[in-house]
């Protein structure tokens, strides 16, 4: 099966990306990244409630981008990578 993932950013030369294998269980540290769109925090609040009820071994830490119109700053991405096992990104409007 061939899977094509389109990146909505304006890339003159598209970058090929590999899809990571999904884990069978979700444990460890999970970053919740609010991209600063309206009501994204509401979505992440509900997801956090669901995670806490269903996944007691998961530790959630919240992060927020300064603006949704630009990629996350390098320092923020580095902090998320260093301190977490997974990322959930909250997109909403």
C-alpha atoms as a PDB file:
ATOM      1  CA  UNK A   1       0.000   0.000   0.000  1.00  0.00           C
ATOM      2  CA  UNK A   2       1.323   3.432  -0.919  1.00  0.00           C
ATOM      3  CA  UNK A   3       0.461   6.324   1.336  1.00  0.00           C
ATOM      4  CA  UNK A   4       0.912   9.918   0.202  1.00  0.00           C
ATOM      5  CA  UNK A   5       0.956  12.660   2.820  1.00  0.00           C
ATOM      6  CA  UNK A   6       0.674  16.219   1.578  1.00  0.00           C
ATOM      7  CA  UNK A   7       2.348  19.003   3.497  1.00  0.00           C
ATOM      8  CA  UNK A   8       0.352  22.262   3.306  1.00  0.00           C
ATOM      9  CA  UNK A   9       3.455  24.432   3.599  1.00  0.00           C
ATOM     10  CA  UNK A  10       4.885  26.079   0.527  1.00  0.00           C
ATOM     11  CA  UNK A  11       7.816  23.831  -0.337  1.00  0.00           C
ATOM     12  CA  UNK A  12       9.540  24.473  -3.645  1.00  0.00           C
ATOM     13  CA  UNK A  13      10.983  20.961  -3.467  1.00  0.00           C
ATOM     14  CA  UNK A  14       8.687  18.630  -1.456  1.00  0.00           C
ATOM     15  CA  UNK A  15      10.379  16.761   1.396  1.00  0.00           C
ATOM     16  CA  UNK A  16       9.844  13.008   1.621  1.00  0.00           C
ATOM     17  CA  UNK A  17       8.820  11.897   5.089  1.00  0.00           C
ATOM     18  CA  UNK A  18       8.584   8.462   6.679  1.00  0.00           C
ATOM     19  CA  UNK A  19       5.607   7.597   8.849  1.00  0.00           C
ATOM     20  CA  UNK A  20       6.715   6.317  12.236  1.00  0.00           C
ATOM     21  CA  UNK A  21       5.363   3.011  13.443  1.00  0.00           C
ATOM     22  CA  UNK A  22       2.586   3.580  15.961  1.00  0.00           C
ATOM     23  CA  UNK A  23       3.084   2.105  19.430  1.00  0.00           C
ATOM     24  CA  UNK A  24       0.659  -0.549  20.653  1.00  0.00           C
ATOM     25  CA  UNK A  25       0.103   1.348  23.925  1.00  0.00           C
ATOM     26  CA  UNK A  26       0.402   4.958  24.988  1.00  0.00           C
ATOM     27  CA  UNK A  27       2.501   5.494  28.099  1.00  0.00           C
ATOM     28  CA  UNK A  28       5.012   8.073  29.216  1.00  0.00           C
ATOM     29  CA  UNK A  29       5.133  11.802  28.677  1.00  0.00           C
ATOM     30  CA  UNK A  30       2.783  13.451  26.195  1.00  0.00           C
ATOM     31  CA  UNK A  31       3.112  17.045  25.015  1.00  0.00           C
ATOM     32  CA  UNK A  32      -0.152  18.842  24.231  1.00  0.00           C
ATOM     33  CA  UNK A  33       0.709  21.661  21.826  1.00  0.00           C
ATOM     34  CA  UNK A  34      -1.836  24.447  21.452  1.00  0.00           C
ATOM     35  CA  UNK A  35      -1.078  26.196  18.158  1.00  0.00           C
ATOM     36  CA  UNK A  36      -2.891  29.369  19.340  1.00  0.00           C
ATOM     37  CA  UNK A  37      -5.978  29.050  17.149  1.00  0.00           C
ATOM     38  CA  UNK A  38      -9.290  30.012  18.766  1.00  0.00           C
ATOM     39  CA  UNK A  39     -10.737  27.211  20.919  1.00  0.00           C
ATOM     40  CA  UNK A  40      -7.688  24.979  20.507  1.00  0.00           C
ATOM     41  CA  UNK A  41      -7.324  25.068  24.281  1.00  0.00           C
ATOM     42  CA  UNK A  42     -10.912  23.787  24.629  1.00  0.00           C
ATOM     43  CA  UNK A  43     -10.106  20.798  22.413  1.00  0.00           C
ATOM     44  CA  UNK A  44      -6.951  20.050  24.381  1.00  0.00           C
ATOM     45  CA  UNK A  45      -8.811  20.420  27.709  1.00  0.00           C
ATOM     46  CA  UNK A  46     -11.305  17.731  26.632  1.00  0.00           C
ATOM     47  CA  UNK A  47      -8.556  15.478  25.303  1.00  0.00           C
ATOM     48  CA  UNK A  48      -6.631  15.856  28.543  1.00  0.00           C
ATOM     49  CA  UNK A  49      -9.716  14.824  30.524  1.00  0.00           C
ATOM     50  CA  UNK A  50     -10.133  11.748  28.311  1.00  0.00           C
ATOM     51  CA  UNK A  51      -6.448  10.829  28.576  1.00  0.00           C
ATOM     52  CA  UNK A  52      -6.470  11.188  32.361  1.00  0.00           C
ATOM     53  CA  UNK A  53      -9.573   8.978  32.670  1.00  0.00           C
ATOM     54  CA  UNK A  54      -8.433   6.272  30.244  1.00  0.00           C
ATOM     55  CA  UNK A  55      -4.626   6.366  30.420  1.00  0.00           C
ATOM     56  CA  UNK A  56      -3.511   6.700  34.046  1.00  0.00           C
ATOM     57  CA  UNK A  57       0.167   6.061  33.171  1.00  0.00           C
ATOM     58  CA  UNK A  58       0.386   9.099  30.902  1.00  0.00           C
ATOM     59  CA  UNK A  59       1.921  12.386  32.074  1.00  0.00           C
ATOM     60  CA  UNK A  60       0.670  15.417  30.114  1.00  0.00           C
ATOM     61  CA  UNK A  61       2.519  18.705  29.759  1.00  0.00           C
ATOM     62  CA  UNK A  62       0.965  21.667  27.934  1.00  0.00           C
ATOM     63  CA  UNK A  63       2.764  23.945  25.477  1.00  0.00           C
ATOM     64  CA  UNK A  64       1.615  26.853  23.305  1.00  0.00           C
ATOM     65  CA  UNK A  65       2.945  28.339  20.089  1.00  0.00           C
ATOM     66  CA  UNK A  66       3.133  32.148  20.007  1.00  0.00           C
ATOM     67  CA  UNK A  67       1.055  32.233  16.800  1.00  0.00           C
ATOM     68  CA  UNK A  68      -0.673  29.727  14.537  1.00  0.00           C
ATOM     69  CA  UNK A  69       0.571  31.459  11.388  1.00  0.00           C
ATOM     70  CA  UNK A  70       4.216  30.390  11.796  1.00  0.00           C
ATOM     71  CA  UNK A  71       6.015  27.167  12.705  1.00  0.00           C
ATOM     72  CA  UNK A  72       6.804  26.610  16.365  1.00  0.00           C
ATOM     73  CA  UNK A  73      10.045  28.309  17.403  1.00  0.00           C
ATOM     74  CA  UNK A  74      13.128  26.093  17.425  1.00  0.00           C
ATOM     75  CA  UNK A  75      13.532  26.364  21.210  1.00  0.00           C
ATOM     76  CA  UNK A  76       9.937  25.249  21.792  1.00  0.00           C
ATOM     77  CA  UNK A  77      10.323  22.285  19.434  1.00  0.00           C
ATOM     78  CA  UNK A  78      13.607  21.306  21.107  1.00  0.00           C
ATOM     79  CA  UNK A  79      12.008  21.470  24.570  1.00  0.00           C
ATOM     80  CA  UNK A  80       9.071  19.313  23.454  1.00  0.00           C
ATOM     81  CA  UNK A  81      11.404  16.781  21.844  1.00  0.00           C
ATOM     82  CA  UNK A  82      13.697  16.590  24.858  1.00  0.00           C
ATOM     83  CA  UNK A  83      10.979  16.226  27.494  1.00  0.00           C
ATOM     84  CA  UNK A  84       8.262  14.107  25.851  1.00  0.00           C
ATOM     85  CA  UNK A  85       7.606  10.784  24.165  1.00  0.00           C
ATOM     86  CA  UNK A  86       4.585  11.875  22.086  1.00  0.00           C
ATOM     87  CA  UNK A  87       2.949  15.072  20.828  1.00  0.00           C
ATOM     88  CA  UNK A  88      -0.736  15.892  20.395  1.00  0.00           C
ATOM     89  CA  UNK A  89      -1.319  19.097  18.465  1.00  0.00           C
ATOM     90  CA  UNK A  90      -4.573  21.013  19.043  1.00  0.00           C
ATOM     91  CA  UNK A  91      -6.056  22.546  15.928  1.00  0.00           C
ATOM     92  CA  UNK A  92      -9.444  24.228  16.244  1.00  0.00           C
ATOM     93  CA  UNK A  93     -11.555  27.185  15.179  1.00  0.00           C
END
